[in-house]
Amino acid sequence: MNNKLVSIGDDRYYILGTIKVDCGFDTEKLKSMWGLSDTILRNGDEYFICMKIIDVEFIDKENE
């Protein structure tokens, strides 16, 4: 699977990997197994191990 982005409402997630729901691991264990993951999404019989993309805004203090 190629890594990709998923949008849910105003939130965007980077998919790190997928695994079947019946893999035997709970979602907390899956998050700990993927170092950058902070969110597990489910679609049918698959979990999507994801990293939430944080939208930030930078202010240039020099030009204020």
PDB file of N, CA and C in Angstrom:
ATOM      1  N   MET A   1       0.831  -1.187   0.000  1.00  0.00           N
ATOM      2  CA  MET A   1       0.000   0.000   0.000  1.00  0.00           C
ATOM      3  C   MET A   1       0.873   1.246   0.000  1.00  0.00           C
ATOM      4  N   ASN A   2       0.501   2.210  -0.799  1.00  0.00           N
ATOM      5  CA  ASN A   2       1.196   3.494  -0.781  1.00  0.00           C
ATOM      6  C   ASN A   2       0.654   4.336   0.361  1.00  0.00           C
ATOM      7  N   ASN A   3       1.535   5.083   1.021  1.00  0.00           N
ATOM      8  CA  ASN A   3       1.093   5.984   2.075  1.00  0.00           C
ATOM      9  C   ASN A   3       0.255   7.077   1.451  1.00  0.00           C
ATOM     10  N   LYS A   4      -0.774   7.523   2.172  1.00  0.00           N
ATOM     11  CA  LYS A   4      -1.650   8.535   1.617  1.00  0.00           C
ATOM     12  C   LYS A   4      -2.310   9.346   2.714  1.00  0.00           C
ATOM     13  N   LEU A   5      -3.032  10.368   2.295  1.00  0.00           N
ATOM     14  CA  LEU A   5      -3.755  11.238   3.203  1.00  0.00           C
ATOM     15  C   LEU A   5      -5.239  10.918   3.168  1.00  0.00           C
ATOM     16  N   VAL A   6      -5.883  11.087   4.320  1.00  0.00           N
ATOM     17  CA  VAL A   6      -7.325  10.918   4.436  1.00  0.00           C
ATOM     18  C   VAL A   6      -7.865  12.137   5.162  1.00  0.00           C
ATOM     19  N   SER A   7      -8.980  12.679   4.684  1.00  0.00           N
ATOM     20  CA  SER A   7      -9.640  13.799   5.349  1.00  0.00           C
ATOM     21  C   SER A   7     -10.956  13.318   5.938  1.00  0.00           C
ATOM     22  N   ILE A   8     -11.185  13.709   7.192  1.00  0.00           N
ATOM     23  CA  ILE A   8     -12.455  13.434   7.858  1.00  0.00           C
ATOM     24  C   ILE A   8     -12.891  14.754   8.480  1.00  0.00           C
ATOM     25  N   GLY A   9     -13.917  15.352   7.906  1.00  0.00           N
ATOM     26  CA  GLY A   9     -14.327  16.681   8.340  1.00  0.00           C
ATOM     27  C   GLY A   9     -13.199  17.656   8.077  1.00  0.00           C
ATOM     28  N   ASP A  10     -12.814  18.423   9.090  1.00  0.00           N
ATOM     29  CA  ASP A  10     -11.716  19.376   8.965  1.00  0.00           C
ATOM     30  C   ASP A  10     -10.365  18.763   9.299  1.00  0.00           C
ATOM     31  N   ASP A  11     -10.344  17.496   9.707  1.00  0.00           N
ATOM     32  CA  ASP A  11      -9.106  16.840  10.116  1.00  0.00           C
ATOM     33  C   ASP A  11      -8.502  16.053   8.962  1.00  0.00           C
ATOM     34  N   ARG A  12      -7.157  16.039   8.917  1.00  0.00           N
ATOM     35  CA  ARG A  12      -6.443  15.250   7.910  1.00  0.00           C
ATOM     36  C   ARG A  12      -5.478  14.313   8.614  1.00  0.00           C
ATOM     37  N   TYR A  13      -5.345  13.121   8.044  1.00  0.00           N
ATOM     38  CA  TYR A  13      -4.511  12.079   8.631  1.00  0.00           C
ATOM     39  C   TYR A  13      -3.589  11.507   7.567  1.00  0.00           C
ATOM     40  N   TYR A  14      -2.363  11.205   7.967  1.00  0.00           N
ATOM     41  CA  TYR A  14      -1.395  10.525   7.117  1.00  0.00           C
ATOM     42  C   TYR A  14      -1.431   9.053   7.503  1.00  0.00           C
ATOM     43  N   ILE A  15      -1.748   8.183   6.560  1.00  0.00           N
ATOM     44  CA  ILE A  15      -1.852   6.756   6.838  1.00  0.00           C
ATOM     45  C   ILE A  15      -0.456   6.133   6.805  1.00  0.00           C
ATOM     46  N   LEU A  16      -0.072   5.566   7.939  1.00  0.00           N
ATOM     47  CA  LEU A  16       1.228   4.920   8.071  1.00  0.00           C
ATOM     48  C   LEU A  16       1.174   3.450   7.669  1.00  0.00           C
ATOM     49  N   GLY A  17       0.014   2.827   7.858  1.00  0.00           N
ATOM     50  CA  GLY A  17      -0.127   1.423   7.526  1.00  0.00           C
ATOM     51  C   GLY A  17      -1.542   0.945   7.755  1.00  0.00           C
ATOM     52  N   THR A  18      -1.836  -0.262   7.305  1.00  0.00           N
ATOM     53  CA  THR A  18      -3.148  -0.867   7.522  1.00  0.00           C
ATOM     54  C   THR A  18      -2.956  -2.274   8.075  1.00  0.00           C
ATOM     55  N   ILE A  19      -3.992  -2.726   8.784  1.00  0.00           N
ATOM     56  CA  ILE A  19      -3.959  -4.079   9.345  1.00  0.00           C
ATOM     57  C   ILE A  19      -5.405  -4.528   9.547  1.00  0.00           C
ATOM     58  N   LYS A  20      -5.636  -5.807   9.450  1.00  0.00           N
ATOM     59  CA  LYS A  20      -6.986  -6.353   9.636  1.00  0.00           C
ATOM     60  C   LYS A  20      -7.432  -6.189  11.090  1.00  0.00           C
ATOM     61  N   VAL A  21      -8.716  -5.929  11.284  1.00  0.00           N
ATOM     62  CA  VAL A  21      -9.280  -5.745  12.620  1.00  0.00           C
ATOM     63  C   VAL A  21      -9.071  -6.994  13.478  1.00  0.00           C
ATOM     64  N   ASP A  22      -9.145  -8.168  12.871  1.00  0.00           N
ATOM     65  CA  ASP A  22      -9.003  -9.413  13.628  1.00  0.00           C
ATOM     66  C   ASP A  22      -7.542  -9.830  13.836  1.00  0.00           C
ATOM     67  N   CYS A  23      -6.624  -8.857  13.800  1.00  0.00           N
ATOM     68  CA  CYS A  23      -5.190  -9.134  13.949  1.00  0.00           C
ATOM     69  C   CYS A  23      -4.811  -9.605  15.357  1.00  0.00           C
ATOM     70  N   GLY A  24      -5.677  -9.346  16.340  1.00  0.00           N
ATOM     71  CA  GLY A  24      -5.381  -9.770  17.701  1.00  0.00           C
ATOM     72  C   GLY A  24      -4.810  -8.671  18.584  1.00  0.00           C
ATOM     73  N   PHE A  25      -4.558  -7.477  18.015  1.00  0.00           N
ATOM     74  CA  PHE A  25      -4.035  -6.358  18.787  1.00  0.00           C
ATOM     75  C   PHE A  25      -5.132  -5.330  19.015  1.00  0.00           C
ATOM     76  N   ASP A  26      -5.144  -4.726  20.216  1.00  0.00           N
ATOM     77  CA  ASP A  26      -6.080  -3.634  20.432  1.00  0.00           C
ATOM     78  C   ASP A  26      -5.481  -2.338  19.865  1.00  0.00           C
ATOM     79  N   THR A  27      -6.299  -1.294  19.791  1.00  0.00           N
ATOM     80  CA  THR A  27      -5.861  -0.055  19.131  1.00  0.00           C
ATOM     81  C   THR A  27      -4.706   0.619  19.867  1.00  0.00           C
ATOM     82  N   GLU A  28      -4.666   0.538  21.181  1.00  0.00           N
ATOM     83  CA  GLU A  28      -3.552   1.144  21.930  1.00  0.00           C
ATOM     84  C   GLU A  28      -2.241   0.435  21.616  1.00  0.00           C
ATOM     85  N   LYS A  29      -2.289  -0.879  21.510  1.00  0.00           N
ATOM     86  CA  LYS A  29      -1.093  -1.642  21.162  1.00  0.00           C
ATOM     87  C   LYS A  29      -0.633  -1.300  19.740  1.00  0.00           C
ATOM     88  N   LEU A  30      -1.581  -1.169  18.816  1.00  0.00           N
ATOM     89  CA  LEU A  30      -1.226  -0.798  17.443  1.00  0.00           C
ATOM     90  C   LEU A  30      -0.554   0.566  17.392  1.00  0.00           C
ATOM     91  N   LYS A  31      -1.077   1.533  18.171  1.00  0.00           N
ATOM     92  CA  LYS A  31      -0.451   2.864  18.203  1.00  0.00           C
ATOM     93  C   LYS A  31       0.980   2.783  18.725  1.00  0.00           C
ATOM     94  N   SER A  32       1.219   1.933  19.697  1.00  0.00           N
ATOM     95  CA  SER A  32       2.572   1.816  20.248  1.00  0.00           C
ATOM     96  C   SER A  32       3.517   1.094  19.282  1.00  0.00           C
ATOM     97  N   MET A  33       2.974   0.269  18.414  1.00  0.00           N
ATOM     98  CA  MET A  33       3.794  -0.466  17.455  1.00  0.00           C
ATOM     99  C   MET A  33       4.264   0.422  16.297  1.00  0.00           C
ATOM    100  N   TRP A  34       3.505   1.435  15.969  1.00  0.00           N
ATOM    101  CA  TRP A  34       3.888   2.409  14.942  1.00  0.00           C
ATOM    102  C   TRP A  34       4.281   3.681  15.678  1.00  0.00           C
ATOM    103  N   GLY A  35       5.552   4.015  15.669  1.00  0.00           N
ATOM    104  CA  GLY A  35       6.095   5.094  16.478  1.00  0.00           C
ATOM    105  C   GLY A  35       5.471   6.462  16.274  1.00  0.00           C
ATOM    106  N   LEU A  36       5.060   6.793  15.073  1.00  0.00           N
ATOM    107  CA  LEU A  36       4.509   8.127  14.802  1.00  0.00           C
ATOM    108  C   LEU A  36       2.989   8.182  14.882  1.00  0.00           C
ATOM    109  N   SER A  37       2.347   7.048  15.096  1.00  0.00           N
ATOM    110  CA  SER A  37       0.881   7.029  15.064  1.00  0.00           C
ATOM    111  C   SER A  37       0.284   7.599  16.344  1.00  0.00           C
ATOM    112  N   ASP A  38      -0.839   8.289  16.172  1.00  0.00           N
ATOM    113  CA  ASP A  38      -1.588   8.797  17.315  1.00  0.00           C
ATOM    114  C   ASP A  38      -3.084   8.546  17.160  1.00  0.00           C
ATOM    115  N   THR A  39      -3.471   7.960  16.019  1.00  0.00           N
ATOM    116  CA  THR A  39      -4.879   7.735  15.726  1.00  0.00           C
ATOM    117  C   THR A  39      -5.033   6.422  14.968  1.00  0.00           C
ATOM    118  N   ILE A  40      -6.069   5.664  15.340  1.00  0.00           N
ATOM    119  CA  ILE A  40      -6.429   4.463  14.587  1.00  0.00           C
ATOM    120  C   ILE A  40      -7.828   4.691  14.030  1.00  0.00           C
ATOM    121  N   LEU A  41      -7.967   4.601  12.718  1.00  0.00           N
ATOM    122  CA  LEU A  41      -9.263   4.720  12.060  1.00  0.00           C
ATOM    123  C   LEU A  41      -9.686   3.337  11.583  1.00  0.00           C
ATOM    124  N   ARG A  42     -10.986   3.122  11.536  1.00  0.00           N
ATOM    125  CA  ARG A  42     -11.487   1.827  11.086  1.00  0.00           C
ATOM    126  C   ARG A  42     -12.414   2.019   9.898  1.00  0.00           C
ATOM    127  N   ASN A  43     -12.248   1.153   8.915  1.00  0.00           N
ATOM    128  CA  ASN A  43     -13.147   1.107   7.771  1.00  0.00           C
ATOM    129  C   ASN A  43     -13.410  -0.365   7.483  1.00  0.00           C
ATOM    130  N   GLY A  44     -14.603  -0.814   7.813  1.00  0.00           N
ATOM    131  CA  GLY A  44     -14.944  -2.218   7.614  1.00  0.00           C
ATOM    132  C   GLY A  44     -14.078  -3.118   8.466  1.00  0.00           C
ATOM    133  N   ASP A  45     -13.365  -4.032   7.831  1.00  0.00           N
ATOM    134  CA  ASP A  45     -12.537  -4.987   8.574  1.00  0.00           C
ATOM    135  C   ASP A  45     -11.069  -4.594   8.603  1.00  0.00           C
ATOM    136  N   GLU A  46     -10.767  -3.310   8.335  1.00  0.00           N
ATOM    137  CA  GLU A  46      -9.380  -2.833   8.364  1.00  0.00           C
ATOM    138  C   GLU A  46      -9.208  -1.665   9.321  1.00  0.00           C
ATOM    139  N   TYR A  47      -8.090  -1.680  10.040  1.00  0.00           N
ATOM    140  CA  TYR A  47      -7.649  -0.532  10.813  1.00  0.00           C
ATOM    141  C   TYR A  47      -6.642   0.243   9.964  1.00  0.00           C
ATOM    142  N   PHE A  48      -6.723   1.543  10.026  1.00  0.00           N
ATOM    143  CA  PHE A  48      -5.746   2.410   9.387  1.00  0.00           C
ATOM    144  C   PHE A  48      -4.950   3.079  10.494  1.00  0.00           C
ATOM    145  N   ILE A  49      -3.664   2.807  10.554  1.00  0.00           N
ATOM    146  CA  ILE A  49      -2.793   3.380  11.567  1.00  0.00           C
ATOM    147  C   ILE A  49      -2.338   4.738  11.032  1.00  0.00           C
ATOM    148  N   CYS A  50      -2.678   5.819  11.753  1.00  0.00           N
ATOM    149  CA  CYS A  50      -2.521   7.161  11.213  1.00  0.00           C
ATOM    150  C   CYS A  50      -1.783   8.108  12.155  1.00  0.00           C
ATOM    151  N   MET A  51      -1.298   9.168  11.541  1.00  0.00           N
ATOM    152  CA  MET A  51      -0.725  10.298  12.256  1.00  0.00           C
ATOM    153  C   MET A  51      -1.566  11.515  11.863  1.00  0.00           C
ATOM    154  N   LYS A  52      -2.153  12.170  12.852  1.00  0.00           N
ATOM    155  CA  LYS A  52      -2.969  13.347  12.562  1.00  0.00           C
ATOM    156  C   LYS A  52      -2.068  14.493  12.132  1.00  0.00           C
ATOM    157  N   ILE A  53      -2.472  15.163  11.065  1.00  0.00           N
ATOM    158  CA  ILE A  53      -1.720  16.308  10.565  1.00  0.00           C
ATOM    159  C   ILE A  53      -2.244  17.551  11.266  1.00  0.00           C
ATOM    160  N   ILE A  54      -1.335  18.246  11.925  1.00  0.00           N
ATOM    161  CA  ILE A  54      -1.707  19.447  12.673  1.00  0.00           C
ATOM    162  C   ILE A  54      -1.545  20.654  11.770  1.00  0.00           C
ATOM    163  N   ASP A  55      -2.619  21.421  11.636  1.00  0.00           N
ATOM    164  CA  ASP A  55      -2.606  22.625  10.814  1.00  0.00           C
ATOM    165  C   ASP A  55      -2.118  23.781  11.683  1.00  0.00           C
ATOM    166  N   VAL A  56      -1.049  24.413  11.256  1.00  0.00           N
ATOM    167  CA  VAL A  56      -0.494  25.522  12.034  1.00  0.00           C
ATOM    168  C   VAL A  56      -0.433  26.776  11.183  1.00  0.00           C
ATOM    169  N   GLU A  57      -0.397  27.887  11.866  1.00  0.00           N
ATOM    170  CA  GLU A  57      -0.263  29.187  11.190  1.00  0.00           C
ATOM    171  C   GLU A  57       0.913  29.900  11.821  1.00  0.00           C
ATOM    172  N   PHE A  58       1.805  30.392  10.982  1.00  0.00           N
ATOM    173  CA  PHE A  58       2.973  31.107  11.455  1.00  0.00           C
ATOM    174  C   PHE A  58       2.758  32.604  11.245  1.00  0.00           C
ATOM    175  N   ILE A  59       3.201  33.379  12.228  1.00  0.00           N
ATOM    176  CA  ILE A  59       3.133  34.831  12.138  1.00  0.00           C
ATOM    177  C   ILE A  59       4.551  35.351  12.103  1.00  0.00           C
ATOM    178  N   ASP A  60       4.845  36.171  11.099  1.00  0.00           N
ATOM    179  CA  ASP A  60       6.161  36.767  10.951  1.00  0.00           C
ATOM    180  C   ASP A  60       6.244  37.987  11.853  1.00  0.00           C
ATOM    181  N   LYS A  61       6.910  37.861  12.988  1.00  0.00           N
ATOM    182  CA  LYS A  61       6.992  38.938  13.982  1.00  0.00           C
ATOM    183  C   LYS A  61       7.845  40.108  13.486  1.00  0.00           C
ATOM    184  N   GLU A  62       8.755  39.858  12.580  1.00  0.00           N
ATOM    185  CA  GLU A  62       9.624  40.927  12.083  1.00  0.00           C
ATOM    186  C   GLU A  62       8.871  41.961  11.256  1.00  0.00           C
ATOM    187  N   ASN A  63       7.790  41.562  10.620  1.00  0.00           N
ATOM    188  CA  ASN A  63       7.044  42.449   9.742  1.00  0.00           C
ATOM    189  C   ASN A  63       5.763  42.987  10.361  1.00  0.00           C
ATOM    190  N   GLU A  64       5.643  42.897  11.655  1.00  0.00           N
ATOM    191  CA  GLU A  64       4.439  43.429  12.317  1.00  0.00           C
ATOM    192  C   GLU A  64       4.565  44.909  12.566  1.00  0.00           C
TER     193      GLU A  64
END
